[in-house]
PDB file of N, CA and C in Angstrom:
ATOM      1  N   MET A   1     -13.065  -2.784  25.449  1.00  0.00           N
ATOM      2  CA  MET A   1     -12.923  -4.126  24.905  1.00  0.00           C
ATOM      3  C   MET A   1     -14.312  -4.747  24.808  1.00  0.00           C
ATOM      4  N   LEU A   2     -14.607  -5.319  23.676  1.00  0.00           N
ATOM      5  CA  LEU A   2     -15.851  -6.049  23.459  1.00  0.00           C
ATOM      6  C   LEU A   2     -15.615  -7.488  23.874  1.00  0.00           C
ATOM      7  N   VAL A   3     -16.487  -8.036  24.711  1.00  0.00           N
ATOM      8  CA  VAL A   3     -16.364  -9.419  25.157  1.00  0.00           C
ATOM      9  C   VAL A   3     -17.567 -10.190  24.621  1.00  0.00           C
ATOM     10  N   LEU A   4     -17.296 -11.272  23.887  1.00  0.00           N
ATOM     11  CA  LEU A   4     -18.349 -12.087  23.302  1.00  0.00           C
ATOM     12  C   LEU A   4     -18.207 -13.522  23.758  1.00  0.00           C
ATOM     13  N   THR A   5     -19.320 -14.220  23.853  1.00  0.00           N
ATOM     14  CA  THR A   5     -19.300 -15.640  24.167  1.00  0.00           C
ATOM     15  C   THR A   5     -19.654 -16.403  22.898  1.00  0.00           C
ATOM     16  N   ARG A   6     -18.830 -17.352  22.526  1.00  0.00           N
ATOM     17  CA  ARG A   6     -19.044 -18.168  21.333  1.00  0.00           C
ATOM     18  C   ARG A   6     -18.797 -19.615  21.700  1.00  0.00           C
ATOM     19  N   ARG A   7     -19.484 -20.511  21.019  1.00  0.00           N
ATOM     20  CA  ARG A   7     -19.273 -21.943  21.182  1.00  0.00           C
ATOM     21  C   ARG A   7     -18.576 -22.491  19.943  1.00  0.00           C
ATOM     22  N   LYS A   8     -18.205 -23.768  20.001  1.00  0.00           N
ATOM     23  CA  LYS A   8     -17.544 -24.417  18.874  1.00  0.00           C
ATOM     24  C   LYS A   8     -18.374 -24.220  17.599  1.00  0.00           C
ATOM     25  N   ASN A   9     -17.665 -23.917  16.514  1.00  0.00           N
ATOM     26  CA  ASN A   9     -18.238 -23.679  15.184  1.00  0.00           C
ATOM     27  C   ASN A   9     -19.042 -22.395  15.069  1.00  0.00           C
ATOM     28  N   GLN A  10     -19.009 -21.535  16.079  1.00  0.00           N
ATOM     29  CA  GLN A  10     -19.647 -20.225  15.971  1.00  0.00           C
ATOM     30  C   GLN A  10     -18.576 -19.195  15.620  1.00  0.00           C
ATOM     31  N   SER A  11     -18.988 -18.106  14.986  1.00  0.00           N
ATOM     32  CA  SER A  11     -18.043 -17.125  14.465  1.00  0.00           C
ATOM     33  C   SER A  11     -18.428 -15.721  14.886  1.00  0.00           C
ATOM     34  N   ILE A  12     -17.459 -14.813  14.711  1.00  0.00           N
ATOM     35  CA  ILE A  12     -17.721 -13.387  14.772  1.00  0.00           C
ATOM     36  C   ILE A  12     -17.180 -12.788  13.486  1.00  0.00           C
ATOM     37  N   VAL A  13     -17.776 -11.688  13.058  1.00  0.00           N
ATOM     38  CA  VAL A  13     -17.351 -11.018  11.839  1.00  0.00           C
ATOM     39  C   VAL A  13     -16.814  -9.643  12.229  1.00  0.00           C
ATOM     40  N   ILE A  14     -15.621  -9.316  11.713  1.00  0.00           N
ATOM     41  CA  ILE A  14     -14.987  -8.024  11.967  1.00  0.00           C
ATOM     42  C   ILE A  14     -14.952  -7.269  10.642  1.00  0.00           C
ATOM     43  N   GLY A  15     -15.593  -6.117  10.610  1.00  0.00           N
ATOM     44  CA  GLY A  15     -15.674  -5.379   9.357  1.00  0.00           C
ATOM     45  C   GLY A  15     -16.486  -6.172   8.346  1.00  0.00           C
ATOM     46  N   ASP A  16     -16.125  -6.020   7.077  1.00  0.00           N
ATOM     47  CA  ASP A  16     -16.850  -6.717   6.024  1.00  0.00           C
ATOM     48  C   ASP A  16     -16.199  -8.026   5.609  1.00  0.00           C
ATOM     49  N   ASP A  17     -14.930  -8.244   6.012  1.00  0.00           N
ATOM     50  CA  ASP A  17     -14.231  -9.364   5.397  1.00  0.00           C
ATOM     51  C   ASP A  17     -13.316 -10.161   6.322  1.00  0.00           C
ATOM     52  N   ILE A  18     -13.479 -10.044   7.627  1.00  0.00           N
ATOM     53  CA  ILE A  18     -12.679 -10.854   8.554  1.00  0.00           C
ATOM     54  C   ILE A  18     -13.640 -11.682   9.400  1.00  0.00           C
ATOM     55  N   ILE A  19     -13.423 -13.002   9.394  1.00  0.00           N
ATOM     56  CA  ILE A  19     -14.279 -13.912  10.163  1.00  0.00           C
ATOM     57  C   ILE A  19     -13.391 -14.714  11.108  1.00  0.00           C
ATOM     58  N   VAL A  20     -13.744 -14.722  12.384  1.00  0.00           N
ATOM     59  CA  VAL A  20     -13.025 -15.506  13.395  1.00  0.00           C
ATOM     60  C   VAL A  20     -13.981 -16.591  13.880  1.00  0.00           C
ATOM     61  N   THR A  21     -13.561 -17.862  13.734  1.00  0.00           N
ATOM     62  CA  THR A  21     -14.409 -19.004  14.078  1.00  0.00           C
ATOM     63  C   THR A  21     -13.746 -19.819  15.180  1.00  0.00           C
ATOM     64  N   VAL A  22     -14.533 -20.220  16.172  1.00  0.00           N
ATOM     65  CA  VAL A  22     -14.051 -21.120  17.219  1.00  0.00           C
ATOM     66  C   VAL A  22     -14.047 -22.525  16.635  1.00  0.00           C
ATOM     67  N   LEU A  23     -12.860 -23.128  16.528  1.00  0.00           N
ATOM     68  CA  LEU A  23     -12.738 -24.459  15.947  1.00  0.00           C
ATOM     69  C   LEU A  23     -12.791 -25.560  16.990  1.00  0.00           C
ATOM     70  N   GLU A  24     -12.192 -25.295  18.156  1.00  0.00           N
ATOM     71  CA  GLU A  24     -12.103 -26.339  19.165  1.00  0.00           C
ATOM     72  C   GLU A  24     -11.913 -25.693  20.532  1.00  0.00           C
ATOM     73  N   VAL A  25     -12.518 -26.301  21.546  1.00  0.00           N
ATOM     74  CA  VAL A  25     -12.324 -25.885  22.929  1.00  0.00           C
ATOM     75  C   VAL A  25     -11.825 -27.113  23.680  1.00  0.00           C
ATOM     76  N   LYS A  26     -10.612 -27.004  24.256  1.00  0.00           N
ATOM     77  CA  LYS A  26     -10.015 -28.127  24.960  1.00  0.00           C
ATOM     78  C   LYS A  26      -9.389 -27.606  26.247  1.00  0.00           C
ATOM     79  N   GLY A  27     -10.034 -27.852  27.381  1.00  0.00           N
ATOM     80  CA  GLY A  27      -9.509 -27.373  28.668  1.00  0.00           C
ATOM     81  C   GLY A  27      -9.492 -25.867  28.690  1.00  0.00           C
ATOM     82  N   ASP A  28      -8.308 -25.293  28.952  1.00  0.00           N
ATOM     83  CA  ASP A  28      -8.194 -23.836  29.015  1.00  0.00           C
ATOM     84  C   ASP A  28      -7.673 -23.250  27.701  1.00  0.00           C
ATOM     85  N   GLN A  29      -7.717 -24.022  26.627  1.00  0.00           N
ATOM     86  CA  GLN A  29      -7.264 -23.533  25.328  1.00  0.00           C
ATOM     87  C   GLN A  29      -8.407 -23.585  24.316  1.00  0.00           C
ATOM     88  N   ILE A  30      -8.359 -22.638  23.390  1.00  0.00           N
ATOM     89  CA  ILE A  30      -9.283 -22.681  22.268  1.00  0.00           C
ATOM     90  C   ILE A  30      -8.488 -22.579  20.981  1.00  0.00           C
ATOM     91  N   ARG A  31      -9.010 -23.145  19.916  1.00  0.00           N
ATOM     92  CA  ARG A  31      -8.400 -23.002  18.591  1.00  0.00           C
ATOM     93  C   ARG A  31      -9.313 -22.125  17.774  1.00  0.00           C
ATOM     94  N   LEU A  32      -8.732 -21.112  17.156  1.00  0.00           N
ATOM     95  CA  LEU A  32      -9.479 -20.172  16.349  1.00  0.00           C
ATOM     96  C   LEU A  32      -9.065 -20.309  14.903  1.00  0.00           C
ATOM     97  N   GLY A  33     -10.013 -20.157  14.003  1.00  0.00           N
ATOM     98  CA  GLY A  33      -9.736 -20.067  12.576  1.00  0.00           C
ATOM     99  C   GLY A  33     -10.038 -18.645  12.144  1.00  0.00           C
ATOM    100  N   ILE A  34      -9.139 -18.040  11.390  1.00  0.00           N
ATOM    101  CA  ILE A  34      -9.308 -16.648  10.969  1.00  0.00           C
ATOM    102  C   ILE A  34      -9.299 -16.597   9.452  1.00  0.00           C
ATOM    103  N   THR A  35     -10.374 -16.070   8.887  1.00  0.00           N
ATOM    104  CA  THR A  35     -10.467 -15.857   7.455  1.00  0.00           C
ATOM    105  C   THR A  35     -10.362 -14.361   7.221  1.00  0.00           C
ATOM    106  N   ALA A  36      -9.334 -13.951   6.482  1.00  0.00           N
ATOM    107  CA  ALA A  36      -9.093 -12.531   6.237  1.00  0.00           C
ATOM    108  C   ALA A  36      -8.473 -12.366   4.854  1.00  0.00           C
ATOM    109  N   PRO A  37      -8.603 -11.188   4.272  1.00  0.00           N
ATOM    110  CA  PRO A  37      -7.943 -10.932   2.982  1.00  0.00           C
ATOM    111  C   PRO A  37      -6.433 -11.087   3.133  1.00  0.00           C
ATOM    112  N   ARG A  38      -5.766 -11.417   2.036  1.00  0.00           N
ATOM    113  CA  ARG A  38      -4.318 -11.641   2.077  1.00  0.00           C
ATOM    114  C   ARG A  38      -3.535 -10.400   2.473  1.00  0.00           C
ATOM    115  N   ASP A  39      -4.105  -9.221   2.276  1.00  0.00           N
ATOM    116  CA  ASP A  39      -3.363  -8.001   2.625  1.00  0.00           C
ATOM    117  C   ASP A  39      -3.504  -7.633   4.102  1.00  0.00           C
ATOM    118  N   VAL A  40      -4.249  -8.414   4.866  1.00  0.00           N
ATOM    119  CA  VAL A  40      -4.406  -8.174   6.301  1.00  0.00           C
ATOM    120  C   VAL A  40      -3.445  -9.076   7.060  1.00  0.00           C
ATOM    121  N   GLN A  41      -2.560  -8.495   7.830  1.00  0.00           N
ATOM    122  CA  GLN A  41      -1.602  -9.269   8.624  1.00  0.00           C
ATOM    123  C   GLN A  41      -2.273  -9.721   9.917  1.00  0.00           C
ATOM    124  N   VAL A  42      -2.079 -10.985  10.272  1.00  0.00           N
ATOM    125  CA  VAL A  42      -2.628 -11.537  11.505  1.00  0.00           C
ATOM    126  C   VAL A  42      -1.454 -12.123  12.288  1.00  0.00           C
ATOM    127  N   TYR A  43      -1.183 -11.588  13.473  1.00  0.00           N
ATOM    128  CA  TYR A  43      -0.092 -12.045  14.326  1.00  0.00           C
ATOM    129  C   TYR A  43      -0.619 -12.363  15.718  1.00  0.00           C
ATOM    130  N   ARG A  44      -0.002 -13.339  16.375  1.00  0.00           N
ATOM    131  CA  ARG A  44      -0.238 -13.501  17.813  1.00  0.00           C
ATOM    132  C   ARG A  44       0.431 -12.310  18.485  1.00  0.00           C
ATOM    133  N   GLU A  45      -0.194 -11.805  19.536  1.00  0.00           N
ATOM    134  CA  GLU A  45       0.303 -10.589  20.184  1.00  0.00           C
ATOM    135  C   GLU A  45       1.748 -10.733  20.658  1.00  0.00           C
ATOM    136  N   GLU A  46       2.080 -11.868  21.268  1.00  0.00           N
ATOM    137  CA  GLU A  46       3.444 -12.039  21.794  1.00  0.00           C
ATOM    138  C   GLU A  46       4.464 -12.164  20.669  1.00  0.00           C
ATOM    139  N   LEU A  47       4.081 -12.709  19.520  1.00  0.00           N
ATOM    140  CA  LEU A  47       4.999 -12.799  18.398  1.00  0.00           C
ATOM    141  C   LEU A  47       5.265 -11.412  17.800  1.00  0.00           C
ATOM    142  N   LEU A  48       4.239 -10.610  17.677  1.00  0.00           N
ATOM    143  CA  LEU A  48       4.414  -9.259  17.161  1.00  0.00           C
ATOM    144  C   LEU A  48       5.322  -8.447  18.087  1.00  0.00           C
ATOM    145  N   ALA A  49       5.155  -8.586  19.401  1.00  0.00           N
ATOM    146  CA  ALA A  49       6.018  -7.884  20.352  1.00  0.00           C
ATOM    147  C   ALA A  49       7.466  -8.349  20.212  1.00  0.00           C
ATOM    148  N   ALA A  50       7.680  -9.645  20.051  1.00  0.00           N
ATOM    149  CA  ALA A  50       9.041 -10.171  19.895  1.00  0.00           C
ATOM    150  C   ALA A  50       9.675  -9.678  18.594  1.00  0.00           C
ATOM    151  N   LEU A  51       8.898  -9.648  17.504  1.00  0.00           N
ATOM    152  CA  LEU A  51       9.421  -9.140  16.243  1.00  0.00           C
ATOM    153  C   LEU A  51       9.790  -7.668  16.343  1.00  0.00           C
ATOM    154  N   THR A  52       8.951  -6.898  16.988  1.00  0.00           N
ATOM    155  CA  THR A  52       9.211  -5.467  17.159  1.00  0.00           C
ATOM    156  C   THR A  52      10.480  -5.250  17.978  1.00  0.00           C
ATOM    157  N   ASP A  53      10.619  -6.003  19.081  1.00  0.00           N
ATOM    158  CA  ASP A  53      11.822  -5.881  19.916  1.00  0.00           C
ATOM    159  C   ASP A  53      13.079  -6.282  19.135  1.00  0.00           C
ATOM    160  N   ALA A  54      12.993  -7.374  18.373  1.00  0.00           N
ATOM    161  CA  ALA A  54      14.153  -7.821  17.599  1.00  0.00           C
ATOM    162  C   ALA A  54      14.547  -6.779  16.556  1.00  0.00           C
ATOM    163  N   ASN A  55      13.568  -6.171  15.913  1.00  0.00           N
ATOM    164  CA  ASN A  55      13.858  -5.131  14.924  1.00  0.00           C
ATOM    165  C   ASN A  55      14.503  -3.919  15.571  1.00  0.00           C
ATOM    166  N   LYS A  56      14.012  -3.516  16.735  1.00  0.00           N
ATOM    167  CA  LYS A  56      14.591  -2.374  17.436  1.00  0.00           C
ATOM    168  C   LYS A  56      16.038  -2.672  17.854  1.00  0.00           C
ATOM    169  N   SER A  57      16.277  -3.869  18.386  1.00  0.00           N
ATOM    170  CA  SER A  57      17.631  -4.183  18.851  1.00  0.00           C
ATOM    171  C   SER A  57      18.608  -4.313  17.679  1.00  0.00           C
ATOM    172  N   ALA A  58      18.129  -4.726  16.510  1.00  0.00           N
ATOM    173  CA  ALA A  58      18.990  -4.831  15.349  1.00  0.00           C
ATOM    174  C   ALA A  58      19.424  -3.444  14.872  1.00  0.00           C
ATOM    175  N   VAL A  59      18.545  -2.472  15.021  1.00  0.00           N
ATOM    176  CA  VAL A  59      18.842  -1.108  14.583  1.00  0.00           C
ATOM    177  C   VAL A  59      19.663  -0.371  15.647  1.00  0.00           C
ATOM    178  N   LEU A  60      19.348  -0.590  16.895  1.00  0.00           N
ATOM    179  CA  LEU A  60      20.015   0.136  17.978  1.00  0.00           C
ATOM    180  C   LEU A  60      20.998  -0.768  18.712  1.00  0.00           C
ATOM    181  N   SER A  61      22.117  -1.065  18.105  1.00  0.00           N
ATOM    182  CA  SER A  61      23.112  -1.861  18.802  1.00  0.00           C
ATOM    183  C   SER A  61      23.809  -0.980  19.839  1.00  0.00           C
ATOM    184  N   GLU A  62      24.336  -1.576  20.871  1.00  0.00           N
ATOM    185  CA  GLU A  62      24.918  -0.852  21.999  1.00  0.00           C
ATOM    186  C   GLU A  62      26.042   0.079  21.547  1.00  0.00           C
ATOM    187  N   GLY A  63      25.992   1.314  22.029  1.00  0.00           N
ATOM    188  CA  GLY A  63      27.050   2.270  21.760  1.00  0.00           C
ATOM    189  C   GLY A  63      26.907   3.030  20.464  1.00  0.00           C
ATOM    190  N   THR A  64      25.861   2.836  19.741  1.00  0.00           N
ATOM    191  CA  THR A  64      25.668   3.570  18.484  1.00  0.00           C
ATOM    192  C   THR A  64      24.443   4.447  18.579  1.00  0.00           C
ATOM    193  N   ALA A  65      24.486   5.516  17.848  1.00  0.00           N
ATOM    194  CA  ALA A  65      23.343   6.429  17.808  1.00  0.00           C
ATOM    195  C   ALA A  65      22.287   5.850  16.873  1.00  0.00           C
ATOM    196  N   PRO A  66      21.017   6.074  17.186  1.00  0.00           N
ATOM    197  CA  PRO A  66      19.973   5.578  16.290  1.00  0.00           C
ATOM    198  C   PRO A  66      20.050   6.231  14.921  1.00  0.00           C
ATOM    199  N   ILE A  67      19.813   5.436  13.913  1.00  0.00           N
ATOM    200  CA  ILE A  67      19.801   5.936  12.542  1.00  0.00           C
ATOM    201  C   ILE A  67      18.375   5.807  12.019  1.00  0.00           C
ATOM    202  N   ALA A  68      17.843   6.900  11.522  1.00  0.00           N
ATOM    203  CA  ALA A  68      16.472   6.877  11.005  1.00  0.00           C
ATOM    204  C   ALA A  68      16.442   6.130   9.685  1.00  0.00           C
ATOM    205  N   PRO A  69      15.523   5.164   9.550  1.00  0.00           N
ATOM    206  CA  PRO A  69      15.412   4.449   8.276  1.00  0.00           C
ATOM    207  C   PRO A  69      14.805   5.360   7.224  1.00  0.00           C
ATOM    208  N   PRO A  70      15.026   5.066   5.949  1.00  0.00           N
ATOM    209  CA  PRO A  70      14.419   5.889   4.898  1.00  0.00           C
ATOM    210  C   PRO A  70      12.899   5.787   4.982  1.00  0.00           C
ATOM    211  N   ALA A  71      12.212   6.840   4.619  1.00  0.00           N
ATOM    212  CA  ALA A  71      10.755   6.851   4.661  1.00  0.00           C
ATOM    213  C   ALA A  71      10.206   5.892   3.608  1.00  0.00           C
ATOM    214  N   PRO A  72       9.202   5.064   3.989  1.00  0.00           N
ATOM    215  CA  PRO A  72       8.613   4.149   3.007  1.00  0.00           C
ATOM    216  C   PRO A  72       7.750   4.920   2.028  1.00  0.00           C
ATOM    217  N   PRO A  73       7.471   4.334   0.872  1.00  0.00           N
ATOM    218  CA  PRO A  73       6.568   4.990  -0.076  1.00  0.00           C
ATOM    219  C   PRO A  73       5.213   5.200   0.576  1.00  0.00           C
ATOM    220  N   ALA A  74       4.481   6.161   0.101  1.00  0.00           N
ATOM    221  CA  ALA A  74       3.186   6.504   0.699  1.00  0.00           C
ATOM    222  C   ALA A  74       2.227   5.319   0.715  1.00  0.00           C
ATOM    223  N   SER A  75       2.340   4.421  -0.242  1.00  0.00           N
ATOM    224  CA  SER A  75       1.404   3.297  -0.314  1.00  0.00           C
ATOM    225  C   SER A  75       1.837   2.104   0.534  1.00  0.00           C
ATOM    226  N   ALA A  76       3.026   2.140   1.120  1.00  0.00           N
ATOM    227  CA  ALA A  76       3.529   1.000   1.894  1.00  0.00           C
ATOM    228  C   ALA A  76       2.878   0.958   3.268  1.00  0.00           C
ATOM    229  N   SER A  77       2.691  -0.245   3.774  1.00  0.00           N
ATOM    230  CA  SER A  77       2.136  -0.454   5.102  1.00  0.00           C
ATOM    231  C   SER A  77       3.143  -1.257   5.913  1.00  0.00           C
ATOM    232  N   LEU A  78       3.283  -0.958   7.180  1.00  0.00           N
ATOM    233  CA  LEU A  78       4.252  -1.634   8.031  1.00  0.00           C
ATOM    234  C   LEU A  78       3.973  -3.130   8.146  1.00  0.00           C
ATOM    235  N   PHE A  79       2.709  -3.529   8.142  1.00  0.00           N
ATOM    236  CA  PHE A  79       2.371  -4.924   8.373  1.00  0.00           C
ATOM    237  C   PHE A  79       1.771  -5.596   7.141  1.00  0.00           C
ATOM    238  N   ARG A  80       2.019  -5.077   5.966  1.00  0.00           N
ATOM    239  CA  ARG A  80       1.442  -5.632   4.741  1.00  0.00           C
ATOM    240  C   ARG A  80       2.254  -6.845   4.286  1.00  0.00           C
ATOM    241  N   ARG A  81       1.554  -7.894   3.871  1.00  0.00           N
ATOM    242  CA  ARG A  81       2.227  -9.072   3.325  1.00  0.00           C
ATOM    243  C   ARG A  81       2.796  -8.752   1.950  1.00  0.00           C
ATOM    244  N   PRO A  82       3.924  -9.349   1.585  1.00  0.00           N
ATOM    245  CA  PRO A  82       4.400  -9.151   0.217  1.00  0.00           C
ATOM    246  C   PRO A  82       3.437  -9.800  -0.755  1.00  0.00           C
ATOM    247  N   THR A  83       3.222  -9.160  -1.862  1.00  0.00           N
ATOM    248  CA  THR A  83       2.298  -9.714  -2.864  1.00  0.00           C
ATOM    249  C   THR A  83       3.085 -10.472  -3.924  1.00  0.00           C
ATOM    250  N   ARG A  84       2.440 -11.441  -4.504  1.00  0.00           N
ATOM    251  CA  ARG A  84       3.083 -12.219  -5.560  1.00  0.00           C
ATOM    252  C   ARG A  84       2.997 -11.459  -6.861  1.00  0.00           C
ATOM    253  N   ALA A  85       4.054 -11.553  -7.646  1.00  0.00           N
ATOM    254  CA  ALA A  85       4.046 -10.911  -8.960  1.00  0.00           C
ATOM    255  C   ALA A  85       3.081 -11.674  -9.863  1.00  0.00           C
ATOM    256  N   ARG A  86       2.316 -10.932 -10.621  1.00  0.00           N
ATOM    257  CA  ARG A  86       1.364 -11.565 -11.544  1.00  0.00           C
ATOM    258  C   ARG A  86       1.949 -11.575 -12.944  1.00  0.00           C
ATOM    259  N   ARG A  87       1.776 -12.675 -13.624  1.00  0.00           N
ATOM    260  CA  ARG A  87       2.262 -12.786 -14.991  1.00  0.00           C
ATOM    261  C   ARG A  87       1.198 -12.319 -15.954  1.00  0.00           C
ATOM    262  N   ALA A  88       1.659 -11.671 -17.021  1.00  0.00           N
ATOM    263  CA  ALA A  88       0.733 -11.273 -18.077  1.00  0.00           C
ATOM    264  C   ALA A  88       0.310 -12.495 -18.855  1.00  0.00           C
ATOM    265  N   ALA A  89      -0.978 -12.563 -19.205  1.00  0.00           N
ATOM    266  CA  ALA A  89      -1.504 -13.745 -19.900  1.00  0.00           C
ATOM    267  C   ALA A  89      -1.147 -13.751 -21.366  1.00  0.00           C
TER     268      ALA A  89
END
C-alpha cells in the first residue's frame, strides 16, 4: 500500500487520467474529489461489498443450486458504466 500525505486542495494522480483531490478536512473525516473518465467505475469499498453480497444472494436463494449466468461479450466489463446512445448528426 502506498501512503501519501496531502493537504486541502492538493491532489494525487493515478495513471494518466484519474485525479484525487482533498477538498476538505474536518475532524476525523476528509472529503475527496475524484476526476476520472466516465468508463471508470468509482465505488466506496463498503458499497461495492454490499452490492456484491446482494447480487450473490439474489442468485443463490436458499435451497436452490447455483445457476451459472451466461458469459458476457468479450468487450463487456463487470464494473463499466452504461454508455449513452449517440445520435447521428
